[in-house]
Amino acid sequence: MAQVLEFKLPDLGEGLTEAEIVRWLVQVGDVVTIDQPVVEVETAKAMVEVPCPYGGVVTARFGEEGTELPVGAPLLTVAVGEPSAQEPEGSGNVLVGYGTQAPAARRRRVRAGAPAPAARNGTARPEDASAPRTRVAAPAPPVTDGPVPVISPLVRRLARDNGVDLRQLAGSGPEGLILRADVEDVLRANSARAASTAQPVERAAPVAEPLGRTPAAAAGEVRIPLKGIRGAVADKLSRSRREIPDATCWVDADATELMRARAAMNAAGGSKISLLALLARVCTAALARFPELNSYVDTEAREVVRLGHVHLGFAAQTERGLVVPVVRDAHARDAESLTGEFARLTEAARTGTLTPGELTGGTFTLNNYGVFGVDGSTPIINHPEAAMLGVGRIIAKPWVHEGELAVRQVVQLSLTFDHRVCDGGTAGGFLRYVADCVEQPAVLLRTL
């Protein structure tokens, strides 16, 4: 007898509650092996391939490409042959830093070759189902004081902002889970009722546009959904502006000696050292002197939390938008190690293979916007960090050097900082030390 196991969208960690199906990697009827990637999903953090912890024949897939699913929703079902007397366990394969879990204890056994079981509670049906089905909402449950079956905080916020009592809803998701569509159905019904009572009898009530859908675009108008990485960046930057009282200071620096030092390092043989790695080394040395900027504010406890390690984020522009990969323990790395890690993370960013763990946990960000050919900027702090160093382009400019006018390689450095963690004197001291290291790299020898 074959056993049909249901594989659900696993917890991808870092507070992620949903993911969008980008591409199915298997078809119904395909034979899959344990830990074989079966679907490519996009979260608010990255694009990841999800491995299936079971081996067998795919009997059903849940959700079309482009569909958003909450964590815990069914992804597919797999028929495995000759089950043992014991309950099968998950493969234990680590998905982007988070292990897959064993299947639930309760299983539905079916005959080999039998069709996949229907999804519970009218949830999204497998795409290979031949007969059309209609989702029928269950009757509303009585109001209770127990927990409300909602996973996504977006659903909770949508309900809260529109005055919808989630305790009155019967969820259409797995095990009665309340989905965004359930809340939107209530909002559409409320809007239609309000419109019908407000309009004269001879005029038809306008149909309320469903929440979450894009209205019809006017001529020449293009609407781009704020979702995935673009949506996550928008949310994070907006939160930073709301919560962090930031300030910016900047200074011009003569980077001629830094460029000469890099050229000498690379001429000496061995791995090439990148300019970004040298700037990162300067940052970690400066943070050791000014630890106030390697911190975050715990708003609930009303405390500034200074950190004992530097996880250095750096801004990387990709075809899918701006991402900020994080170099772990940057303070413990030399220039060669930093160069290698920057190269690895940059390539992963371009190919969309960064894991959520590589995109979170930063304590300070280095933003080299000079690659775009601009001199200065006032960047938005990467919440919940306390500061960001911006580096403009390095360009030949007239400069007074040793009392004489000369052409030197000049760069503008800017520091945006959270004014709650320090005052301008500390921020200015940090930036001045960075500028001194750029102008005289020998200054770094005191900290090596």
Protein backbone atom coordinates (compact mmCIF):
# COMPACT_ATOMS: atom_id res chain seq x y z
CA MET A 1 0.00 0.00 0.00
CA ALA A 2 1.24 3.49 -0.81
CA GLN A 3 1.05 6.29 1.67
CA VAL A 4 0.23 9.83 0.55
CA LEU A 5 2.14 12.48 2.50
CA GLU A 6 1.38 16.16 2.41
CA PHE A 7 4.35 18.53 2.23
CA LYS A 8 3.57 22.00 3.54
CA LEU A 9 5.41 25.27 2.94
CA PRO A 10 8.06 25.17 5.68
CA ASP A 11 8.94 27.96 8.06
CA LEU A 12 11.63 29.89 6.20
CA GLY A 13 12.70 31.70 9.36
CA GLU A 14 13.50 35.33 10.16
CA GLY A 15 9.84 36.20 10.68
CA LEU A 16 8.80 35.25 7.14
CA THR A 17 5.14 34.22 7.05
CA GLU A 18 4.42 33.74 3.35
CA ALA A 19 6.08 33.12 0.01
CA GLU A 20 5.15 33.43 -3.67
CA ILE A 21 5.42 30.45 -5.99
CA VAL A 22 7.79 31.52 -8.76
CA ARG A 23 8.38 28.25 -10.61
CA TRP A 24 7.43 24.63 -10.13
CA LEU A 25 10.39 22.31 -10.62
CA VAL A 26 8.31 19.10 -10.78
CA GLN A 27 5.12 17.98 -12.48
CA VAL A 28 2.31 15.78 -11.19
CA GLY A 29 3.40 12.19 -11.82
CA ASP A 30 7.12 12.92 -11.50
CA VAL A 31 9.21 10.74 -9.23
CA VAL A 32 11.10 12.79 -6.64
CA THR A 33 13.88 11.80 -4.26
CA ILE A 34 14.38 12.91 -0.69
CA ASP A 35 15.65 16.51 -0.48
CA GLN A 36 15.08 17.14 -4.19
CA PRO A 37 14.09 20.80 -4.87
CA VAL A 38 10.47 20.82 -6.00
CA VAL A 39 9.51 24.50 -6.17
CA GLU A 40 11.18 27.87 -6.36
CA VAL A 41 9.61 30.51 -4.11
CA GLU A 42 10.26 34.17 -3.50
CA THR A 43 10.01 35.56 -0.01
CA ALA A 44 10.43 39.10 1.15
CA LYS A 45 14.10 38.24 1.68
CA ALA A 46 15.28 36.12 -1.22
CA MET A 47 14.54 33.56 -3.91
CA VAL A 48 14.95 30.02 -2.58
CA GLU A 49 14.45 26.47 -3.82
CA VAL A 50 12.39 24.35 -1.43
CA PRO A 51 13.49 20.70 -1.05
CA CYS A 52 10.91 17.99 -0.39
CA PRO A 53 11.66 15.77 2.62
CA TYR A 54 9.90 12.76 1.04
CA GLY A 55 10.68 10.48 -1.87
CA GLY A 56 7.96 9.11 -4.14
CA VAL A 57 5.50 10.12 -6.84
CA VAL A 58 4.02 13.64 -6.92
CA THR A 59 0.24 13.24 -6.83
CA ALA A 60 -0.83 16.86 -6.54
CA ARG A 61 0.51 20.41 -6.52
CA PHE A 62 -1.20 23.24 -4.68
CA GLY A 63 -1.09 26.74 -6.13
CA GLU A 64 -0.31 28.17 -9.53
CA GLU A 65 2.88 30.09 -10.26
CA GLY A 66 2.44 33.61 -8.95
CA THR A 67 0.27 32.47 -6.03
CA GLU A 68 1.18 33.61 -2.51
CA LEU A 69 0.93 30.92 0.17
CA PRO A 70 1.20 31.30 3.95
CA VAL A 71 3.68 29.21 5.90
CA GLY A 72 2.01 25.90 6.71
CA ALA A 73 -0.16 25.79 3.58
CA PRO A 74 0.05 22.60 1.46
CA LEU A 75 2.61 22.67 -1.36
CA LEU A 76 2.23 19.18 -2.79
CA THR A 77 1.41 15.59 -1.93
CA VAL A 78 3.73 12.65 -2.51
CA ALA A 79 2.79 8.96 -2.67
CA VAL A 80 5.51 6.92 -1.02
CA GLY A 81 5.59 3.16 -1.41
CA GLU A 82 6.00 0.41 1.19
CA PRO A 83 5.73 2.55 4.32
CA SER A 84 7.38 1.08 7.38
CA ALA A 85 5.54 0.27 10.56
CA GLN A 86 6.92 3.43 12.10
CA GLU A 87 5.80 6.90 11.17
CA PRO A 88 8.17 8.38 8.54
CA GLU A 89 10.30 11.32 9.57
CA GLY A 90 11.44 14.40 7.73
CA SER A 91 14.72 14.29 5.90
CA GLY A 92 16.38 16.76 8.22
CA ASN A 93 17.71 18.69 5.24
CA VAL A 94 18.48 22.28 6.10
CA LEU A 95 16.58 24.84 4.03
CA VAL A 96 18.32 28.22 4.03
CA GLY A 97 19.42 27.62 7.57
CA TYR A 98 16.20 26.11 8.90
CA GLY A 99 15.58 22.36 9.06
CA THR A 100 12.54 20.73 7.52
CA GLN A 101 10.19 19.19 10.02
CA ALA A 102 8.70 15.75 10.28
CA PRO A 103 5.18 15.35 8.89
CA ALA A 104 2.22 15.64 11.20
CA ALA A 105 1.38 12.49 13.15
CA ARG A 106 -2.06 12.11 11.57
CA ARG A 107 -1.86 10.67 8.03
CA ARG A 108 -4.47 9.67 5.50
CA ARG A 109 -3.70 6.35 3.84
CA VAL A 110 -4.95 5.65 0.34
CA ARG A 111 -4.58 2.87 -2.19
CA ALA A 112 -1.68 2.99 -4.60
CA GLY A 113 -2.67 4.95 -7.67
CA ALA A 114 -5.64 6.54 -5.93
CA PRO A 115 -6.20 10.25 -6.48
CA ALA A 116 -4.76 12.68 -3.96
CA PRO A 117 -7.02 13.58 -1.04
CA ALA A 118 -8.90 16.82 -1.34
CA ALA A 119 -7.57 19.76 0.61
CA ARG A 120 -9.19 20.27 3.97
CA ASN A 121 -11.68 23.01 4.67
CA GLY A 122 -11.96 24.03 1.04
CA THR A 123 -8.36 25.21 0.75
CA ALA A 124 -6.63 25.78 -2.56
CA ARG A 125 -7.24 22.67 -4.67
CA PRO A 126 -4.45 20.83 -6.50
CA GLU A 127 -3.96 22.18 -9.99
CA ASP A 128 -4.40 18.73 -11.55
CA ALA A 129 -7.98 18.37 -10.35
CA SER A 130 -10.18 17.86 -13.39
CA ALA A 131 -13.60 18.74 -12.07
CA PRO A 132 -14.34 22.36 -11.18
CA ARG A 133 -14.94 22.97 -7.51
CA THR A 134 -16.55 25.78 -5.64
CA ARG A 135 -15.25 26.92 -2.30
CA VAL A 136 -18.06 27.07 0.20
CA ALA A 137 -17.37 29.07 3.30
CA ALA A 138 -18.10 27.33 6.56
CA PRO A 139 -20.64 28.92 8.87
CA ALA A 140 -19.21 31.60 11.09
CA PRO A 141 -18.08 30.21 14.43
CA PRO A 142 -19.33 31.67 17.68
CA VAL A 143 -17.20 34.38 19.25
CA THR A 144 -14.73 32.85 21.66
CA ASP A 145 -11.85 34.05 23.77
CA GLY A 146 -9.48 31.40 22.37
CA PRO A 147 -6.67 31.99 19.89
CA VAL A 148 -7.61 33.17 16.42
CA PRO A 149 -6.22 30.90 13.65
CA VAL A 150 -4.17 33.51 11.78
CA ILE A 151 -0.53 33.10 10.75
CA SER A 152 0.17 36.20 8.66
CA PRO A 153 0.59 39.51 10.49
CA LEU A 154 -0.51 41.18 7.25
CA VAL A 155 -3.92 39.53 7.61
CA ARG A 156 -4.18 40.71 11.21
CA ARG A 157 -3.27 44.25 10.23
CA LEU A 158 -5.72 44.27 7.33
CA ALA A 159 -8.49 43.17 9.66
CA ARG A 160 -7.51 45.60 12.40
CA ASP A 161 -7.27 48.61 10.07
CA ASN A 162 -10.73 47.88 8.65
CA GLY A 163 -12.50 46.94 11.87
CA VAL A 164 -13.02 43.27 11.03
CA ASP A 165 -13.45 40.95 14.02
CA LEU A 166 -11.37 37.87 13.16
CA ARG A 167 -13.20 35.85 15.82
CA GLN A 168 -16.32 36.06 13.66
CA LEU A 169 -14.64 34.54 10.59
CA ALA A 170 -14.44 30.92 9.47
CA GLY A 171 -11.07 30.49 7.79
CA SER A 172 -10.88 28.74 4.44
CA GLY A 173 -7.26 27.71 4.88
CA PRO A 174 -5.78 24.53 6.35
CA GLU A 175 -7.26 23.62 9.72
CA GLY A 176 -9.51 26.68 9.55
CA LEU A 177 -6.63 29.12 8.98
CA ILE A 178 -7.92 32.62 8.20
CA LEU A 179 -6.43 33.86 4.93
CA ARG A 180 -6.26 37.31 3.41
CA ALA A 181 -8.97 36.33 0.93
CA ASP A 182 -11.35 35.65 3.82
CA VAL A 183 -10.89 39.17 5.18
CA GLU A 184 -11.21 40.68 1.70
CA ASP A 185 -14.49 38.81 1.15
CA VAL A 186 -15.89 40.47 4.26
CA LEU A 187 -14.64 43.91 3.17
CA ARG A 188 -16.17 43.50 -0.29
CA ALA A 189 -19.48 42.46 1.20
CA ASN A 190 -19.46 45.40 3.62
CA SER A 191 -18.58 47.84 0.83
CA ALA A 192 -21.30 46.52 -1.44
CA ARG A 193 -23.87 46.78 1.36
CA ALA A 194 -22.86 50.33 2.20
CA ALA A 195 -22.94 51.37 -1.46
CA SER A 196 -26.37 49.85 -2.09
CA THR A 197 -27.94 51.71 0.83
CA ALA A 198 -26.27 55.00 -0.02
CA GLN A 199 -27.25 55.16 -3.70
CA PRO A 200 -30.73 56.08 -5.02
CA VAL A 201 -32.85 53.15 -6.14
CA GLU A 202 -32.65 54.09 -9.82
CA ARG A 203 -28.85 54.04 -9.80
CA ALA A 204 -26.86 50.84 -9.59
CA ALA A 205 -24.48 50.68 -6.66
CA PRO A 206 -20.85 50.74 -7.75
CA VAL A 207 -18.98 47.53 -7.23
CA ALA A 208 -16.23 47.98 -4.64
CA GLU A 209 -12.78 47.17 -5.93
CA PRO A 210 -11.46 44.08 -4.07
CA LEU A 211 -8.74 45.01 -1.62
CA GLY A 212 -5.30 43.93 -2.73
CA ARG A 213 -6.12 43.98 -6.45
CA THR A 214 -4.68 46.47 -8.85
CA PRO A 215 -7.32 48.86 -10.26
CA ALA A 216 -7.54 49.23 -14.00
CA ALA A 217 -4.69 51.48 -15.13
CA ALA A 218 -5.47 54.71 -16.96
CA ALA A 219 -4.06 55.28 -20.42
CA GLY A 220 -0.27 55.29 -20.28
CA GLU A 221 -0.26 54.39 -16.57
CA VAL A 222 1.82 51.51 -15.28
CA ARG A 223 1.19 49.96 -11.85
CA ILE A 224 3.90 47.86 -10.24
CA PRO A 225 2.90 45.76 -7.21
CA LEU A 226 4.95 46.38 -4.08
CA LYS A 227 5.63 42.78 -3.16
CA GLY A 228 8.53 40.40 -2.75
CA ILE A 229 11.89 42.09 -2.26
CA ARG A 230 10.63 45.46 -3.55
CA GLY A 231 7.78 45.38 -1.05
CA ALA A 232 10.06 44.34 1.80
CA VAL A 233 12.47 47.19 1.02
CA ALA A 234 9.59 49.67 0.90
CA ASP A 235 8.28 48.51 4.27
CA LYS A 236 11.71 48.59 5.91
CA LEU A 237 12.64 52.03 4.61
CA SER A 238 9.27 53.44 5.63
CA ARG A 239 9.69 52.00 9.11
CA SER A 240 13.18 53.48 9.34
CA ARG A 241 11.87 56.94 8.49
CA ARG A 242 9.02 56.61 11.00
CA GLU A 243 11.03 55.34 13.95
CA ILE A 244 14.62 56.60 13.61
CA PRO A 245 15.50 60.29 14.17
CA ASP A 246 18.42 60.27 11.76
CA ALA A 247 21.02 62.90 10.97
CA THR A 248 23.78 63.03 8.36
CA CYS A 249 27.29 64.47 8.35
CA TRP A 250 29.81 64.29 5.55
CA VAL A 251 33.39 65.12 4.63
CA ASP A 252 35.60 65.13 1.54
CA ALA A 253 38.74 63.02 1.78
CA ASP A 254 41.87 62.58 -0.33
CA ALA A 255 41.87 58.87 -1.25
CA THR A 256 45.07 59.01 -3.30
CA GLU A 257 47.18 57.17 -0.72
CA LEU A 258 44.49 54.53 -0.17
CA MET A 259 44.42 53.81 -3.90
CA ARG A 260 48.24 53.58 -3.96
CA ALA A 261 48.23 51.22 -0.98
CA ARG A 262 45.71 48.96 -2.73
CA ALA A 263 47.77 48.96 -5.92
CA ALA A 264 50.88 47.99 -3.92
CA MET A 265 49.01 45.14 -2.19
CA ASN A 266 47.82 43.74 -5.48
CA ALA A 267 51.24 44.11 -7.11
CA ALA A 268 52.79 42.03 -4.32
CA GLY A 269 51.00 38.91 -5.57
CA GLY A 270 48.30 36.72 -4.08
CA SER A 271 44.59 37.36 -4.17
CA LYS A 272 43.50 40.78 -5.36
CA ILE A 273 42.18 43.07 -2.66
CA SER A 274 39.02 45.02 -3.44
CA LEU A 275 38.48 48.65 -2.54
CA LEU A 276 35.26 47.68 -0.74
CA ALA A 277 37.24 45.31 1.47
CA LEU A 278 39.66 48.08 2.47
CA LEU A 279 36.75 50.40 3.27
CA ALA A 280 35.16 47.62 5.31
CA ARG A 281 38.40 47.17 7.24
CA VAL A 282 38.38 50.90 7.96
CA CYS A 283 34.75 50.67 9.15
CA THR A 284 35.42 47.85 11.60
CA ALA A 285 38.41 49.71 13.03
CA ALA A 286 36.29 52.84 13.43
CA LEU A 287 33.48 50.89 15.12
CA ALA A 288 35.99 49.51 17.62
CA ARG A 289 36.78 53.10 18.58
CA PHE A 290 33.17 54.30 18.47
CA PRO A 291 31.01 51.30 19.54
CA GLU A 292 27.98 53.55 20.00
CA LEU A 293 27.36 53.25 16.25
CA ASN A 294 27.40 49.45 16.31
CA SER A 295 24.14 49.19 18.22
CA TYR A 296 20.36 49.35 18.02
CA VAL A 297 17.56 50.82 20.10
CA ASP A 298 15.24 48.48 21.99
CA THR A 299 12.16 50.69 21.92
CA GLU A 300 10.13 48.52 24.29
CA ALA A 301 12.81 48.47 26.97
CA ARG A 302 13.93 52.03 26.13
CA GLU A 303 17.53 50.87 25.98
CA VAL A 304 20.43 51.25 23.56
CA VAL A 305 21.93 47.81 22.93
CA ARG A 306 25.62 47.88 21.99
CA LEU A 307 26.82 44.80 20.14
CA GLY A 308 30.08 42.94 20.61
CA HIS A 309 30.35 41.78 16.99
CA VAL A 310 30.20 43.53 13.62
CA HIS A 311 27.97 41.92 11.00
CA LEU A 312 28.62 44.28 8.11
CA GLY A 313 25.89 44.78 5.53
CA PHE A 314 26.62 46.24 2.11
CA ALA A 315 24.17 47.54 -0.46
CA ALA A 316 23.98 45.55 -3.70
CA GLN A 317 21.83 46.51 -6.66
CA THR A 318 20.36 43.58 -8.60
CA GLU A 319 17.81 43.08 -11.34
CA ARG A 320 15.29 42.17 -8.65
CA GLY A 321 15.97 45.31 -6.62
CA LEU A 322 18.18 46.52 -3.81
CA VAL A 323 19.41 43.90 -1.36
CA VAL A 324 21.79 44.17 1.59
CA PRO A 325 23.85 40.97 2.08
CA VAL A 326 25.62 40.65 5.43
CA VAL A 327 29.25 39.69 6.06
CA ARG A 328 29.28 37.85 9.40
CA ASP A 329 31.96 38.77 11.93
CA ALA A 330 33.55 41.31 9.63
CA HIS A 331 35.64 42.63 12.55
CA ALA A 332 37.51 39.30 12.68
CA ARG A 333 38.37 39.20 8.95
CA ASP A 334 41.38 40.59 7.13
CA ALA A 335 41.23 42.38 3.79
CA GLU A 336 41.72 39.18 1.79
CA SER A 337 38.92 37.35 3.64
CA LEU A 338 36.61 40.34 3.26
CA THR A 339 37.32 40.51 -0.48
CA GLY A 340 36.38 36.86 -0.93
CA GLU A 341 33.20 37.13 1.10
CA PHE A 342 32.07 40.29 -0.70
CA ALA A 343 32.60 38.55 -4.05
CA ARG A 344 30.66 35.45 -2.95
CA LEU A 345 27.70 37.38 -1.58
CA THR A 346 27.60 39.75 -4.56
CA GLU A 347 27.42 36.82 -6.99
CA ALA A 348 24.68 35.20 -4.91
CA ALA A 349 22.77 38.49 -4.93
CA ARG A 350 22.96 38.70 -8.73
CA THR A 351 21.78 35.12 -9.20
CA GLY A 352 19.03 35.43 -6.59
CA THR A 353 20.40 32.64 -4.40
CA LEU A 354 21.00 34.57 -1.19
CA THR A 355 19.45 32.88 1.81
CA PRO A 356 17.38 34.76 4.42
CA GLY A 357 20.23 34.23 6.87
CA GLU A 358 22.60 36.07 4.51
CA LEU A 359 20.24 39.02 4.26
CA THR A 360 19.50 39.62 7.92
CA GLY A 361 21.27 40.31 11.19
CA GLY A 362 23.43 43.24 10.05
CA THR A 363 24.70 45.66 12.69
CA PHE A 364 26.17 48.37 10.41
CA THR A 365 25.89 49.02 6.67
CA LEU A 366 28.46 50.18 4.13
CA ASN A 367 26.88 51.77 1.05
CA ASN A 368 29.16 52.33 -1.92
CA TYR A 369 26.86 54.42 -4.10
CA GLY A 370 29.90 55.77 -5.95
CA VAL A 371 29.51 52.84 -8.36
CA PHE A 372 26.53 54.75 -9.79
CA GLY A 373 28.74 57.72 -10.63
CA VAL A 374 27.41 60.01 -7.88
CA ASP A 375 29.37 61.95 -5.28
CA GLY A 376 27.06 62.13 -2.28
CA SER A 377 23.85 60.90 -0.73
CA THR A 378 21.87 60.91 2.52
CA PRO A 379 21.01 57.21 2.78
CA ILE A 380 18.19 55.83 4.90
CA ILE A 381 19.38 53.71 7.82
CA ASN A 382 18.82 49.99 7.46
CA HIS A 383 16.43 49.47 10.39
CA PRO A 384 17.08 48.49 13.18
CA GLU A 385 20.75 49.43 12.77
CA ALA A 386 22.06 52.73 14.12
CA ALA A 387 24.23 53.99 11.27
CA MET A 388 25.30 53.70 7.64
CA LEU A 389 28.49 54.90 5.97
CA GLY A 390 28.08 56.14 2.40
CA VAL A 391 30.96 56.32 -0.08
CA GLY A 392 30.77 58.39 -3.26
CA ARG A 393 32.81 58.02 -6.43
CA ILE A 394 36.57 58.52 -6.27
CA ILE A 395 37.44 61.12 -8.88
CA ALA A 396 40.38 63.34 -9.77
CA LYS A 397 39.89 66.86 -8.38
CA PRO A 398 42.05 69.87 -7.57
CA TRP A 399 43.18 69.58 -3.95
CA VAL A 400 45.63 71.41 -1.71
CA HIS A 401 48.29 68.84 -0.85
CA GLU A 402 51.28 69.76 1.35
CA GLY A 403 50.61 73.43 0.76
CA GLU A 404 50.37 73.23 -3.01
CA LEU A 405 47.52 72.81 -5.45
CA ALA A 406 47.55 69.32 -6.97
CA VAL A 407 45.27 66.87 -8.72
CA ARG A 408 44.27 64.19 -6.20
CA GLN A 409 41.78 61.31 -6.00
CA VAL A 410 38.97 62.73 -3.88
CA VAL A 411 35.95 60.95 -2.35
CA GLN A 412 32.99 62.20 -0.35
CA LEU A 413 32.13 60.20 2.76
CA SER A 414 28.80 60.54 4.55
CA LEU A 415 27.52 59.07 7.79
CA THR A 416 23.81 58.81 8.56
CA PHE A 417 23.24 57.92 12.20
CA ASP A 418 20.49 57.41 14.76
CA HIS A 419 20.62 60.48 17.00
CA ARG A 420 19.25 58.42 19.89
CA VAL A 421 22.43 56.34 20.21
CA CYS A 422 24.93 59.21 20.15
CA ASP A 423 25.39 62.92 19.62
CA GLY A 424 27.06 64.72 16.75
CA GLY A 425 30.46 64.67 18.47
CA THR A 426 30.61 60.88 18.41
CA ALA A 427 29.33 60.69 14.82
CA GLY A 428 31.82 63.35 13.73
CA GLY A 429 34.66 61.54 15.48
CA PHE A 430 33.77 58.29 13.71
CA LEU A 431 33.63 59.95 10.30
CA ARG A 432 36.85 61.88 10.89
CA TYR A 433 38.68 58.69 11.83
CA VAL A 434 37.40 56.99 8.65
CA ALA A 435 38.57 59.96 6.58
CA ASP A 436 42.00 59.90 8.26
CA CYS A 437 42.40 56.21 7.43
CA VAL A 438 41.40 56.88 3.82
CA GLU A 439 43.90 59.73 3.54
CA GLN A 440 46.67 57.97 5.50
CA PRO A 441 46.20 54.17 5.45
CA ALA A 442 49.14 53.86 7.89
CA VAL A 443 46.72 55.04 10.61
CA LEU A 444 45.18 51.56 10.43
CA LEU A 445 48.46 50.00 11.56
CA ARG A 446 47.69 51.15 15.11
CA THR A 447 44.70 48.79 15.20
CA LEU A 448 46.22 45.76 13.41
